[in-house]
C-alpha atoms as a PDB file:
ATOM      1  CA  MET A   1     116.105 115.640 125.260  1.00  0.00           C
ATOM      2  CA  LEU A   2     117.472 116.930 121.947  1.00  0.00           C
ATOM      3  CA  ILE A   3     114.217 116.288 120.123  1.00  0.00           C
ATOM      4  CA  ILE A   4     112.323 118.023 122.955  1.00  0.00           C
ATOM      5  CA  ILE A   5     114.562 121.088 122.598  1.00  0.00           C
ATOM      6  CA  LEU A   6     113.833 121.183 118.864  1.00  0.00           C
ATOM      7  CA  PHE A   7     110.090 121.006 119.523  1.00  0.00           C
ATOM      8  CA  LEU A   8     110.316 123.824 122.083  1.00  0.00           C
ATOM      9  CA  LEU A   9     112.342 125.916 119.633  1.00  0.00           C
ATOM     10  CA  ILE A  10     109.685 125.565 116.915  1.00  0.00           C
ATOM     11  CA  LEU A  11     107.047 126.318 119.554  1.00  0.00           C
ATOM     12  CA  LEU A  12     108.898 129.541 120.462  1.00  0.00           C
ATOM     13  CA  PHE A  13     109.073 130.531 116.790  1.00  0.00           C
ATOM     14  CA  THR A  14     105.317 129.864 116.537  1.00  0.00           C
ATOM     15  CA  ILE A  15     104.632 132.316 119.348  1.00  0.00           C
ATOM     16  CA  ILE A  16     106.865 134.908 117.677  1.00  0.00           C
ATOM     17  CA  GLU A  17     105.082 134.305 114.353  1.00  0.00           C
ATOM     18  CA  HIS A  18     101.740 135.199 115.939  1.00  0.00           C
ATOM     19  CA  GLN A  19     103.062 138.522 117.231  1.00  0.00           C
ATOM     20  CA  ARG A  20     103.591 139.798 113.675  1.00  0.00           C
ATOM     21  CA  LYS A  21     105.925 142.542 114.866  1.00  0.00           C
ATOM     22  CA  ASN A  22     108.913 141.677 112.669  1.00  0.00           C
ATOM     23  CA  ASN A  23     109.716 140.267 109.246  1.00  0.00           C
ATOM     24  CA  PHE A  24     111.808 137.297 110.336  1.00  0.00           C
ATOM     25  CA  HIS A  25     109.082 134.660 110.065  1.00  0.00           C
ATOM     26  CA  GLN A  26     110.404 133.096 106.859  1.00  0.00           C
ATOM     27  CA  ALA A  27     113.911 133.015 108.296  1.00  0.00           C
ATOM     28  CA  PHE A  28     112.630 131.259 111.435  1.00  0.00           C
ATOM     29  CA  PHE A  29     110.630 128.874 109.254  1.00  0.00           C
ATOM     30  CA  ILE A  30     113.646 127.951 107.121  1.00  0.00           C
ATOM     31  CA  PHE A  31     115.834 127.599 110.219  1.00  0.00           C
ATOM     32  CA  SER A  32     113.265 125.223 111.765  1.00  0.00           C
ATOM     33  CA  LEU A  33     113.135 123.113 108.608  1.00  0.00           C
ATOM     34  CA  PHE A  34     116.934 122.998 108.425  1.00  0.00           C
ATOM     35  CA  SER A  35     117.145 121.954 112.094  1.00  0.00           C
ATOM     36  CA  ILE A  36     114.828 118.992 111.495  1.00  0.00           C
ATOM     37  CA  VAL A  37     116.824 117.956 108.416  1.00  0.00           C
ATOM     38  CA  LEU A  38     120.075 118.204 110.377  1.00  0.00           C
ATOM     39  CA  LEU A  39     118.726 116.157 113.278  1.00  0.00           C
ATOM     40  CA  GLU A  40     117.506 113.448 110.911  1.00  0.00           C
ATOM     41  CA  SER A  41     120.930 113.433 109.212  1.00  0.00           C
ATOM     42  CA  ILE A  42     123.121 112.999 112.294  1.00  0.00           C
ATOM     43  CA  LYS A  43     120.922 110.539 114.221  1.00  0.00           C
ATOM     44  CA  PHE A  44     122.472 107.174 115.051  1.00  0.00           C
ATOM     45  CA  ASP A  45     120.567 104.321 116.689  1.00  0.00           C
ATOM     46  CA  SER A  46     117.608 106.650 117.220  1.00  0.00           C
ATOM     47  CA  GLY A  47     114.260 107.021 115.548  1.00  0.00           C
ATOM     48  CA  MET A  48     112.203 104.331 113.861  1.00  0.00           C
ATOM     49  CA  ASP A  49     113.687 101.401 111.955  1.00  0.00           C
ATOM     50  CA  PHE A  50     117.209 102.847 112.140  1.00  0.00           C
ATOM     51  CA  TRP A  51     119.276  99.684 111.805  1.00  0.00           C
ATOM     52  CA  ASN A  52     117.293  98.268 108.897  1.00  0.00           C
ATOM     53  CA  THR A  53     117.718 101.395 106.790  1.00  0.00           C
ATOM     54  CA  TYR A  54     121.310 101.920 107.952  1.00  0.00           C
ATOM     55  CA  ASN A  55     122.395  98.341 107.141  1.00  0.00           C
ATOM     56  CA  HIS A  56     120.473  98.425 103.869  1.00  0.00           C
ATOM     57  CA  TYR A  57     122.483 101.485 102.844  1.00  0.00           C
ATOM     58  CA  GLN A  58     125.872 100.358 104.165  1.00  0.00           C
ATOM     59  CA  PHE A  59     125.759  96.888 102.581  1.00  0.00           C
ATOM     60  CA  PHE A  60     123.558  97.675  99.620  1.00  0.00           C
ATOM     61  CA  LYS A  61     122.889  95.039  96.962  1.00  0.00           C
ATOM     62  CA  LEU A  62     120.083  95.387  94.420  1.00  0.00           C
ATOM     63  CA  ASN A  63     119.101  91.722  94.734  1.00  0.00           C
ATOM     64  CA  ASP A  64     119.138  91.653  98.548  1.00  0.00           C
ATOM     65  CA  THR A  65     115.882  89.949  99.531  1.00  0.00           C
ATOM     66  CA  ARG A  66     116.138  90.801 103.231  1.00  0.00           C
ATOM     67  CA  TYR A  67     114.594  94.224 102.562  1.00  0.00           C
ATOM     68  CA  ARG A  68     111.279  94.512 100.696  1.00  0.00           C
ATOM     69  CA  TYR A  69     111.944  98.124  99.819  1.00  0.00           C
ATOM     70  CA  GLU A  70     110.265  99.883  96.936  1.00  0.00           C
ATOM     71  CA  PHE A  71     111.766 100.435  93.494  1.00  0.00           C
ATOM     72  CA  LEU A  72     112.640 104.147  93.647  1.00  0.00           C
ATOM     73  CA  TYR A  73     114.047 104.013  97.178  1.00  0.00           C
ATOM     74  CA  LYS A  74     116.361 101.134  96.257  1.00  0.00           C
ATOM     75  CA  TYR A  75     117.644 102.883  93.154  1.00  0.00           C
ATOM     76  CA  LEU A  76     118.120 106.152  95.016  1.00  0.00           C
ATOM     77  CA  VAL A  77     120.221 104.277  97.566  1.00  0.00           C
ATOM     78  CA  TYR A  78     122.094 102.618  94.696  1.00  0.00           C
ATOM     79  CA  PHE A  79     122.884 106.008  93.176  1.00  0.00           C
ATOM     80  CA  PHE A  80     124.121 107.615  96.399  1.00  0.00           C
ATOM     81  CA  ARG A  81     125.860 104.547  97.838  1.00  0.00           C
ATOM     82  CA  ASN A  82     127.405 102.845  94.814  1.00  0.00           C
ATOM     83  CA  ILE A  83     127.876 105.670  92.312  1.00  0.00           C
ATOM     84  CA  LEU A  84     128.420 108.807  94.421  1.00  0.00           C
ATOM     85  CA  ASN A  85     129.823 106.816  97.347  1.00  0.00           C
ATOM     86  CA  PHE A  86     128.153 109.140  99.875  1.00  0.00           C
ATOM     87  CA  SER A  87     128.162 108.237 103.545  1.00  0.00           C
ATOM     88  CA  TYR A  88     124.786 107.492 105.137  1.00  0.00           C
ATOM     89  CA  PRO A  89     124.544 110.881 106.962  1.00  0.00           C
ATOM     90  CA  PHE A  90     125.164 112.766 103.705  1.00  0.00           C
ATOM     91  CA  PHE A  91     122.540 110.648 101.978  1.00  0.00           C
ATOM     92  CA  LEU A  92     120.072 111.450 104.767  1.00  0.00           C
ATOM     93  CA  PHE A  93     120.870 115.160 104.538  1.00  0.00           C
ATOM     94  CA  PHE A  94     119.992 115.189 100.839  1.00  0.00           C
ATOM     95  CA  TYR A  95     116.978 112.932 101.352  1.00  0.00           C
ATOM     96  CA  TYR A  96     115.389 114.938 104.154  1.00  0.00           C
ATOM     97  CA  SER A  97     116.198 118.210 102.412  1.00  0.00           C
ATOM     98  CA  VAL A  98     113.872 117.013  99.637  1.00  0.00           C
ATOM     99  CA  ILE A  99     111.164 116.061 102.153  1.00  0.00           C
ATOM    100  CA  TYR A 100     111.195 119.351 104.034  1.00  0.00           C
ATOM    101  CA  GLY A 101     111.737 121.314 100.839  1.00  0.00           C
ATOM    102  CA  LEU A 102     108.382 119.923  99.693  1.00  0.00           C
ATOM    103  CA  TYR A 103     106.850 121.032 102.990  1.00  0.00           C
ATOM    104  CA  TYR A 104     108.405 124.490 102.601  1.00  0.00           C
ATOM    105  CA  PHE A 105     106.463 125.078  99.397  1.00  0.00           C
ATOM    106  CA  SER A 106     103.304 123.263 100.565  1.00  0.00           C
ATOM    107  CA  LEU A 107     102.901 125.042 103.892  1.00  0.00           C
ATOM    108  CA  ASN A 108     103.682 128.449 102.406  1.00  0.00           C
ATOM    109  CA  LYS A 109     100.989 127.740  99.814  1.00  0.00           C
ATOM    110  CA  VAL A 110      98.200 126.984 102.306  1.00  0.00           C
ATOM    111  CA  THR A 111      98.862 129.540 105.047  1.00  0.00           C
ATOM    112  CA  LYS A 112     100.519 132.766 106.106  1.00  0.00           C
ATOM    113  CA  TYR A 113     101.435 130.980 109.341  1.00  0.00           C
ATOM    114  CA  PRO A 114     103.835 128.281 108.104  1.00  0.00           C
ATOM    115  CA  ILE A 115     105.679 127.897 111.428  1.00  0.00           C
ATOM    116  CA  SER A 116     102.410 127.115 113.218  1.00  0.00           C
ATOM    117  CA  ALA A 117     101.705 124.539 110.517  1.00  0.00           C
ATOM    118  CA  LEU A 118     105.207 123.100 110.912  1.00  0.00           C
ATOM    119  CA  LEU A 119     104.718 122.802 114.681  1.00  0.00           C
ATOM    120  CA  LEU A 120     101.625 120.655 114.115  1.00  0.00           C
ATOM    121  CA  LEU A 121     103.306 118.720 111.304  1.00  0.00           C
ATOM    122  CA  PHE A 122     106.367 117.968 113.413  1.00  0.00           C
ATOM    123  CA  ALA A 123     104.216 116.852 116.361  1.00  0.00           C
ATOM    124  CA  CYS A 124     102.036 114.600 114.192  1.00  0.00           C
ATOM    125  CA  THR A 125     104.919 112.934 112.309  1.00  0.00           C
ATOM    126  CA  VAL A 126     107.604 112.724 115.000  1.00  0.00           C
ATOM    127  CA  GLY A 127     106.512 109.142 115.671  1.00  0.00           C
ATOM    128  CA  LEU A 128     107.799 108.305 112.173  1.00  0.00           C
ATOM    129  CA  PHE A 129     111.151 110.025 112.724  1.00  0.00           C
ATOM    130  CA  GLY A 130     113.603 107.881 110.748  1.00  0.00           C
ATOM    131  CA  SER A 131     110.980 106.152 108.579  1.00  0.00           C
ATOM    132  CA  ASN A 132     112.706 107.273 105.407  1.00  0.00           C
ATOM    133  CA  ARG A 133     110.433 105.779 102.776  1.00  0.00           C
ATOM    134  CA  GLN A 134     107.056 106.624 104.254  1.00  0.00           C
ATOM    135  CA  LEU A 135     108.038 110.168 105.231  1.00  0.00           C
ATOM    136  CA  LEU A 136     108.982 111.012 101.634  1.00  0.00           C
ATOM    137  CA  ALA A 137     105.788 109.360 100.367  1.00  0.00           C
ATOM    138  CA  ILE A 138     103.703 111.494 102.748  1.00  0.00           C
ATOM    139  CA  ALA A 139     105.505 114.704 101.763  1.00  0.00           C
ATOM    140  CA  LEU A 140     105.078 113.972  98.034  1.00  0.00           C
ATOM    141  CA  GLY A 141     101.380 113.267  98.493  1.00  0.00           C
ATOM    142  CA  PHE A 142     100.796 116.374 100.572  1.00  0.00           C
ATOM    143  CA  PHE A 143     102.646 118.527  98.023  1.00  0.00           C
ATOM    144  CA  ALA A 144     100.626 117.023  95.165  1.00  0.00           C
ATOM    145  CA  TYR A 145      97.358 117.574  97.063  1.00  0.00           C
ATOM    146  CA  VAL A 146      98.126 121.243  97.685  1.00  0.00           C
ATOM    147  CA  TYR A 147      99.373 122.088  94.210  1.00  0.00           C
ATOM    148  CA  PHE A 148      97.728 119.784  91.681  1.00  0.00           C
ATOM    149  CA  LEU A 149      94.640 117.884  92.826  1.00  0.00           C
ATOM    150  CA  LYS A 150      92.120 120.634  92.098  1.00  0.00           C
ATOM    151  CA  ASP A 151      93.164 121.561  88.560  1.00  0.00           C
ATOM    152  CA  LYS A 152      95.985 119.302  87.347  1.00  0.00           C
ATOM    153  CA  LYS A 153      94.989 115.744  88.148  1.00  0.00           C
ATOM    154  CA  ILE A 154      97.539 114.232  85.752  1.00  0.00           C
ATOM    155  CA  PHE A 155     100.353 115.908  87.686  1.00  0.00           C
ATOM    156  CA  TYR A 156      98.717 114.782  90.929  1.00  0.00           C
ATOM    157  CA  LEU A 157      98.660 111.165  89.759  1.00  0.00           C
ATOM    158  CA  ALA A 158     102.281 111.424  88.631  1.00  0.00           C
ATOM    159  CA  PHE A 159     103.365 112.545  92.109  1.00  0.00           C
ATOM    160  CA  VAL A 160     101.251 109.824  93.731  1.00  0.00           C
ATOM    161  CA  LEU A 161     102.916 107.233  91.499  1.00  0.00           C
ATOM    162  CA  ILE A 162     106.331 108.519  92.558  1.00  0.00           C
ATOM    163  CA  ALA A 163     105.242 108.416  96.215  1.00  0.00           C
ATOM    164  CA  THR A 164     103.997 104.841  95.796  1.00  0.00           C
ATOM    165  CA  LEU A 165     107.400 103.803  94.465  1.00  0.00           C
ATOM    166  CA  PHE A 166     108.865 104.956  97.768  1.00  0.00           C
ATOM    167  CA  HIS A 167     106.152 103.395  99.931  1.00  0.00           C
ATOM    168  CA  TYR A 168     103.324 101.242  98.561  1.00  0.00           C
ATOM    169  CA  SER A 169     100.815 102.558 101.107  1.00  0.00           C
ATOM    170  CA  ALA A 170     100.898 105.980  99.382  1.00  0.00           C
ATOM    171  CA  PHE A 171      98.519 104.448  96.809  1.00  0.00           C
ATOM    172  CA  LEU A 172      95.821 105.630  99.232  1.00  0.00           C
ATOM    173  CA  TYR A 173      96.241 109.114  97.779  1.00  0.00           C
ATOM    174  CA  VAL A 174      94.553 107.883  94.594  1.00  0.00           C
ATOM    175  CA  PHE A 175      91.223 107.735  96.456  1.00  0.00           C
ATOM    176  CA  LEU A 176      91.364 111.490  97.031  1.00  0.00           C
ATOM    177  CA  LEU A 177      90.706 111.970  93.310  1.00  0.00           C
ATOM    178  CA  PHE A 178      87.127 110.872  93.944  1.00  0.00           C
ATOM    179  CA  LEU A 179      86.649 113.321  96.815  1.00  0.00           C
ATOM    180  CA  ASP A 180      86.912 116.497  94.740  1.00  0.00           C
ATOM    181  CA  ARG A 181      83.138 116.832  94.483  1.00  0.00           C
ATOM    182  CA  ARG A 182      80.108 117.709  96.565  1.00  0.00           C
ATOM    183  CA  ILE A 183      79.310 114.873  99.000  1.00  0.00           C
ATOM    184  CA  SER A 184      76.663 115.554 101.630  1.00  0.00           C
ATOM    185  CA  ASP A 185      77.434 115.184 105.310  1.00  0.00           C
ATOM    186  CA  LYS A 186      74.552 112.682 105.609  1.00  0.00           C
ATOM    187  CA  ILE A 187      76.202 110.348 103.089  1.00  0.00           C
ATOM    188  CA  TRP A 188      79.408 110.464 105.083  1.00  0.00           C
ATOM    189  CA  MET A 189      77.608 109.737 108.341  1.00  0.00           C
ATOM    190  CA  VAL A 190      75.817 106.736 106.790  1.00  0.00           C
ATOM    191  CA  THR A 191      79.156 105.492 105.412  1.00  0.00           C
ATOM    192  CA  ILE A 192      80.806 105.757 108.820  1.00  0.00           C
ATOM    193  CA  VAL A 193      77.925 103.875 110.500  1.00  0.00           C
ATOM    194  CA  VAL A 194      78.109 101.114 107.848  1.00  0.00           C
ATOM    195  CA  PHE A 195      81.902 100.835 108.314  1.00  0.00           C
ATOM    196  CA  LEU A 196      81.402 100.622 112.075  1.00  0.00           C
ATOM    197  CA  LEU A 197      78.916  97.762 111.635  1.00  0.00           C
ATOM    198  CA  LEU A 198      81.318  95.979 109.269  1.00  0.00           C
ATOM    199  CA  ASN A 199      84.020  96.356 111.907  1.00  0.00           C
ATOM    200  CA  ILE A 200      81.838  95.029 114.743  1.00  0.00           C
ATOM    201  CA  THR A 201      80.734  91.995 112.722  1.00  0.00           C
ATOM    202  CA  GLY A 202      84.228  91.248 111.396  1.00  0.00           C
ATOM    203  CA  PHE A 203      83.204  91.636 107.763  1.00  0.00           C
ATOM    204  CA  ASN A 204      85.745  94.443 107.348  1.00  0.00           C
ATOM    205  CA  LEU A 205      88.596  91.915 107.557  1.00  0.00           C
ATOM    206  CA  LYS A 206      86.912  89.554 105.071  1.00  0.00           C
ATOM    207  CA  ILE A 207      86.208  92.348 102.579  1.00  0.00           C
ATOM    208  CA  PHE A 208      89.711  93.782 102.890  1.00  0.00           C
ATOM    209  CA  ASN A 209      91.434  90.410 102.452  1.00  0.00           C
ATOM    210  CA  PHE A 210      89.195  89.510  99.497  1.00  0.00           C
ATOM    211  CA  ILE A 211      90.154  92.717  97.682  1.00  0.00           C
ATOM    212  CA  ILE A 212      93.847  92.465  98.515  1.00  0.00           C
ATOM    213  CA  TYR A 213      94.293  88.780  97.693  1.00  0.00           C
ATOM    214  CA  ASN A 214      92.292  88.928  94.464  1.00  0.00           C
ATOM    215  CA  PHE A 215      93.070  92.325  92.959  1.00  0.00           C
ATOM    216  CA  ALA A 216      96.273  93.735  94.511  1.00  0.00           C
ATOM    217  CA  PRO A 217      99.732  93.076  93.018  1.00  0.00           C
ATOM    218  CA  GLU A 218     101.494  90.004  94.399  1.00  0.00           C
ATOM    219  CA  LYS A 219     104.043  92.078  96.330  1.00  0.00           C
ATOM    220  CA  ILE A 220     101.265  93.923  98.156  1.00  0.00           C
ATOM    221  CA  SER A 221      99.307  90.772  98.944  1.00  0.00           C
ATOM    222  CA  ASP A 222     102.468  89.104 100.311  1.00  0.00           C
ATOM    223  CA  ILE A 223     103.109  92.087 102.584  1.00  0.00           C
ATOM    224  CA  ILE A 224      99.500  92.084 103.842  1.00  0.00           C
ATOM    225  CA  ARG A 225      99.642  88.316 104.414  1.00  0.00           C
ATOM    226  CA  GLY A 226     102.714  88.850 106.575  1.00  0.00           C
ATOM    227  CA  TYR A 227     100.974  91.639 108.500  1.00  0.00           C
ATOM    228  CA  ASN A 228      97.904  89.458 109.071  1.00  0.00           C
ATOM    229  CA  THR A 229     100.003  86.763 110.716  1.00  0.00           C
ATOM    230  CA  GLY A 230     102.611  88.955 112.365  1.00  0.00           C
ATOM    231  CA  PHE A 231     100.439  91.524 114.156  1.00  0.00           C
ATOM    232  CA  PRO A 232      98.063  90.945 117.057  1.00  0.00           C
ATOM    233  CA  GLU A 233      94.391  91.487 116.342  1.00  0.00           C
ATOM    234  CA  MET A 234      94.066  94.304 118.845  1.00  0.00           C
ATOM    235  CA  GLN A 235      96.869  96.621 119.916  1.00  0.00           C
ATOM    236  CA  SER A 236      94.706  99.323 121.509  1.00  0.00           C
ATOM    237  CA  ASN A 237      91.597  99.263 123.651  1.00  0.00           C
ATOM    238  CA  TYR A 238      88.222 100.808 122.921  1.00  0.00           C
ATOM    239  CA  TYR A 239      89.035 103.865 125.020  1.00  0.00           C
ATOM    240  CA  MET A 240      91.797 104.636 122.509  1.00  0.00           C
ATOM    241  CA  PHE A 241      89.282 104.004 119.733  1.00  0.00           C
ATOM    242  CA  ILE A 242      86.938 106.648 121.152  1.00  0.00           C
ATOM    243  CA  ILE A 243      89.830 109.103 121.563  1.00  0.00           C
ATOM    244  CA  GLY A 244      90.819 108.447 117.944  1.00  0.00           C
ATOM    245  CA  ILE A 245      87.290 109.183 116.762  1.00  0.00           C
ATOM    246  CA  ILE A 246      87.160 112.402 118.799  1.00  0.00           C
ATOM    247  CA  ARG A 247      90.492 113.711 117.465  1.00  0.00           C
ATOM    248  CA  ARG A 248      89.435 112.996 113.859  1.00  0.00           C
ATOM    249  CA  SER A 249      85.937 114.410 114.376  1.00  0.00           C
ATOM    250  CA  LEU A 250      87.156 117.685 115.896  1.00  0.00           C
ATOM    251  CA  PRO A 251      88.488 119.226 112.636  1.00  0.00           C
ATOM    252  CA  ILE A 252      85.306 118.122 110.842  1.00  0.00           C
ATOM    253  CA  PHE A 253      83.198 119.826 113.505  1.00  0.00           C
ATOM    254  CA  LEU A 254      85.296 123.002 113.246  1.00  0.00           C
ATOM    255  CA  MET A 255      85.010 123.071 109.453  1.00  0.00           C
ATOM    256  CA  ILE A 256      81.231 122.830 109.629  1.00  0.00           C
ATOM    257  CA  ARG A 257      80.961 125.204 112.618  1.00  0.00           C
ATOM    258  CA  TYR A 258      82.947 127.944 110.872  1.00  0.00           C
ATOM    259  CA  LYS A 259      81.765 127.153 107.353  1.00  0.00           C
ATOM    260  CA  ASN A 260      80.700 130.747 106.692  1.00  0.00           C
ATOM    261  CA  PHE A 261      84.290 131.900 107.200  1.00  0.00           C
ATOM    262  CA  LEU A 262      85.953 129.057 105.288  1.00  0.00           C
ATOM    263  CA  GLN A 263      83.710 128.058 102.403  1.00  0.00           C
ATOM    264  CA  ASP A 264      85.277 130.638 100.070  1.00  0.00           C
ATOM    265  CA  LYS A 265      88.485 128.586 100.240  1.00  0.00           C
ATOM    266  CA  SER A 266      88.929 126.703  96.975  1.00  0.00           C
ATOM    267  CA  TYR A 267      89.815 123.522  98.833  1.00  0.00           C
ATOM    268  CA  TYR A 268      86.960 123.679 101.358  1.00  0.00           C
ATOM    269  CA  GLN A 269      84.793 120.814 100.043  1.00  0.00           C
ATOM    270  CA  LEU A 270      87.801 118.700  99.101  1.00  0.00           C
ATOM    271  CA  LEU A 271      89.380 119.099 102.524  1.00  0.00           C
ATOM    272  CA  LEU A 272      86.105 118.365 104.320  1.00  0.00           C
ATOM    273  CA  ASN A 273      85.687 115.177 102.277  1.00  0.00           C
ATOM    274  CA  THR A 274      89.294 114.215 103.000  1.00  0.00           C
ATOM    275  CA  LEU A 275      88.748 114.561 106.745  1.00  0.00           C
ATOM    276  CA  PHE A 276      85.523 112.539 106.562  1.00  0.00           C
ATOM    277  CA  PHE A 277      87.417 109.902 104.555  1.00  0.00           C
ATOM    278  CA  SER A 278      90.085 109.828 107.254  1.00  0.00           C
ATOM    279  CA  LEU A 279      87.464 109.201 109.943  1.00  0.00           C
ATOM    280  CA  ALA A 280      85.732 106.524 107.855  1.00  0.00           C
ATOM    281  CA  THR A 281      88.948 104.582 107.183  1.00  0.00           C
ATOM    282  CA  TYR A 282      89.891 104.791 110.862  1.00  0.00           C
ATOM    283  CA  VAL A 283      86.544 103.240 111.844  1.00  0.00           C
ATOM    284  CA  PHE A 284      86.893 100.553 109.148  1.00  0.00           C
ATOM    285  CA  PHE A 285      90.444  99.486 110.016  1.00  0.00           C
ATOM    286  CA  PHE A 286      90.421  99.660 113.806  1.00  0.00           C
ATOM    287  CA  GLY A 287      90.923  96.377 115.669  1.00  0.00           C
ATOM    288  CA  LYS A 288      91.727  93.340 113.519  1.00  0.00           C
ATOM    289  CA  LEU A 289      93.207  95.607 110.866  1.00  0.00           C
ATOM    290  CA  GLU A 290      94.882  98.010 113.250  1.00  0.00           C
ATOM    291  CA  TYR A 291      98.243  97.698 111.503  1.00  0.00           C
ATOM    292  CA  MET A 292      96.501  99.240 108.488  1.00  0.00           C
ATOM    293  CA  SER A 293      94.920 101.931 110.662  1.00  0.00           C
ATOM    294  CA  SER A 294      98.352 103.081 111.816  1.00  0.00           C
ATOM    295  CA  ARG A 295      99.689 103.042 108.252  1.00  0.00           C
ATOM    296  CA  VAL A 296      96.706 104.880 106.808  1.00  0.00           C
ATOM    297  CA  SER A 297      96.003 107.477 109.500  1.00  0.00           C
ATOM    298  CA  ILE A 298      99.259 109.412 109.147  1.00  0.00           C
ATOM    299  CA  TYR A 299      98.506 110.129 105.476  1.00  0.00           C
ATOM    300  CA  PHE A 300      95.340 111.953 106.498  1.00  0.00           C
ATOM    301  CA  ILE A 301      96.190 113.406 109.899  1.00  0.00           C
ATOM    302  CA  ILE A 302      98.555 115.880 108.249  1.00  0.00           C
ATOM    303  CA  PHE A 303      95.626 117.295 106.255  1.00  0.00           C
ATOM    304  CA  GLU A 304      94.110 118.423 109.552  1.00  0.00           C
ATOM    305  CA  ILE A 305      96.956 120.918 109.664  1.00  0.00           C
ATOM    306  CA  ILE A 306      95.419 122.819 106.751  1.00  0.00           C
ATOM    307  CA  LEU A 307      92.184 123.303 108.659  1.00  0.00           C
ATOM    308  CA  TYR A 308      93.871 124.355 111.884  1.00  0.00           C
ATOM    309  CA  VAL A 309      96.001 127.021 110.176  1.00  0.00           C
ATOM    310  CA  TRP A 310      93.051 128.192 108.067  1.00  0.00           C
ATOM    311  CA  LEU A 311      91.289 128.940 111.343  1.00  0.00           C
ATOM    312  CA  ILE A 312      94.064 131.186 112.716  1.00  0.00           C
ATOM    313  CA  PRO A 313      92.870 134.459 111.083  1.00  0.00           C
ATOM    314  CA  VAL A 314      89.228 133.458 111.667  1.00  0.00           C
ATOM    315  CA  MET A 315      89.733 132.899 115.388  1.00  0.00           C
ATOM    316  CA  ASN A 316      91.862 136.018 115.680  1.00  0.00           C
ATOM    317  CA  LYS A 317      88.873 138.038 114.468  1.00  0.00           C
ATOM    318  CA  ILE A 318      86.258 136.327 116.604  1.00  0.00           C
ATOM    319  CA  TYR A 319      88.176 135.763 119.821  1.00  0.00           C
ATOM    320  CA  LYS A 320      91.380 136.956 121.395  1.00  0.00           C
ATOM    321  CA  LYS A 321      94.116 135.452 119.236  1.00  0.00           C
ATOM    322  CA  ASN A 322      96.046 134.132 122.229  1.00  0.00           C
ATOM    323  CA  TYR A 323      93.227 131.680 122.986  1.00  0.00           C
ATOM    324  CA  TYR A 324      93.523 129.929 119.656  1.00  0.00           C
ATOM    325  CA  LEU A 325      97.316 130.038 119.777  1.00  0.00           C
ATOM    326  CA  LEU A 326      97.095 128.266 123.128  1.00  0.00           C
ATOM    327  CA  PHE A 327      94.831 125.636 121.554  1.00  0.00           C
ATOM    328  CA  VAL A 328      97.307 125.022 118.692  1.00  0.00           C
ATOM    329  CA  ILE A 329     100.211 124.709 121.124  1.00  0.00           C
ATOM    330  CA  LEU A 330      98.240 122.383 123.399  1.00  0.00           C
ATOM    331  CA  LEU A 331      97.180 120.185 120.485  1.00  0.00           C
ATOM    332  CA  ALA A 332     100.742 119.965 119.160  1.00  0.00           C
ATOM    333  CA  SER A 333     102.107 119.246 122.646  1.00  0.00           C
ATOM    334  CA  ILE A 334      99.656 116.388 123.239  1.00  0.00           C
ATOM    335  CA  GLU A 335     100.571 114.788 119.918  1.00  0.00           C
ATOM    336  CA  PHE A 336     104.289 115.256 120.543  1.00  0.00           C
ATOM    337  CA  VAL A 337     104.171 113.782 124.060  1.00  0.00           C
ATOM    338  CA  LYS A 338     102.066 110.848 122.845  1.00  0.00           C
ATOM    339  CA  TYR A 339     104.725 109.775 120.355  1.00  0.00           C
ATOM    340  CA  VAL A 340     107.957 110.748 122.087  1.00  0.00           C
ATOM    341  CA  PHE A 341     107.105 109.428 125.543  1.00  0.00           C
ATOM    342  CA  SER A 342     105.423 106.212 124.434  1.00  0.00           C
ATOM    343  CA  GLY A 343     106.715 102.912 125.795  1.00  0.00           C
ATOM    344  CA  SER A 344     110.214 101.892 124.660  1.00  0.00           C
ATOM    345  CA  SER A 345     110.595 105.255 122.992  1.00  0.00           C
ATOM    346  CA  PRO A 346     113.426 105.421 120.409  1.00  0.00           C
ATOM    347  CA  PHE A 347     113.835 109.162 121.024  1.00  0.00           C
ATOM    348  CA  ILE A 348     115.014 109.614 124.622  1.00  0.00           C
ATOM    349  CA  PRO A 349     117.898 109.948 124.874  1.00  0.00           C
ATOM    350  CA  PHE A 350     118.309 111.027 121.263  1.00  0.00           C
ATOM    351  CA  LYS A 351     121.510 109.446 119.936  1.00  0.00           C
ATOM    352  CA  THR A 352     123.577 111.103 117.234  1.00  0.00           C
ATOM    353  CA  LEU A 353     126.946 110.544 115.557  1.00  0.00           C
ATOM    354  CA  PHE A 354     128.510 112.970 118.024  1.00  0.00           C
ATOM    355  CA  PHE A 355     126.612 112.723 121.314  1.00  0.00           C
ATOM    356  CA  SER A 356     123.499 111.463 123.059  1.00  0.00           C
ATOM    357  CA  PHE A 357     121.160 113.897 124.755  1.00  0.00           C
END
């Protein structure tokens, strides 16, 4: 229930933000960020992968082979656990302060409605609550995308490298370097159709494994080999596949539909390409590579947030603003319910150091 209360609180602040009758929006935004950080810090036996990260911290050894954690995460744990001798909750408080500090600057950069953006962000990433390494990798990549990709690609690559050293899958952000150019919608549609055919015929798995086993570092190939044997070929049905395509196609449709209002944005073409890339990778990885689909999709779903908050002033001019606000709330609620109320949910009740609720 505690995580539901937090979601409803951010939702309330979103409604207040849209009224624009006071100057407390930044205060509400900071309070919301702090509340998420605090909840992540005091959780105990809740969220994803709790015991692995907790035990890794409590009994930390650099040469412990039970945990295939990335270089920077291990040395950060070493610094806080063995040098500063911080308890795990204090480590988490610092760690998640960095994550949501990055989002503070990123969301304020892309919109005048940062609480609305945070509502969508929270709903889309709540399923990873507790996934320390990947959450920081996502935040670093998003921050780099917003601040550096257009004009300072060296800085962008530096942040991506740092993100990769927290979670190897963040290497996907490198591909966005090639999307900062004009790519026609027809090329994207052909690409998606080709990827779909590769998926149907099973060639997607052969191509992916060939690239990974022949060109990827040994650590990556070992991880993928374990995933190939440890995950079932199909975790979702084709109805879920269609729903996934629809939810990834919707922001693309909206970008094209309201192009005349959005194309003056400096990131318009880059964001459109990113969303097309998200859809293409989803089609390519679904099914036999679904473990990759789940890993990859979260890196790109958060970019949809940019589009949805870009549309707030546009929709407020065209329609009654309450209609679009209702859409944003409904979208966030669907995403939140999907993750929090999934089978064997690690969120309800939400367990903390002090109480369970």
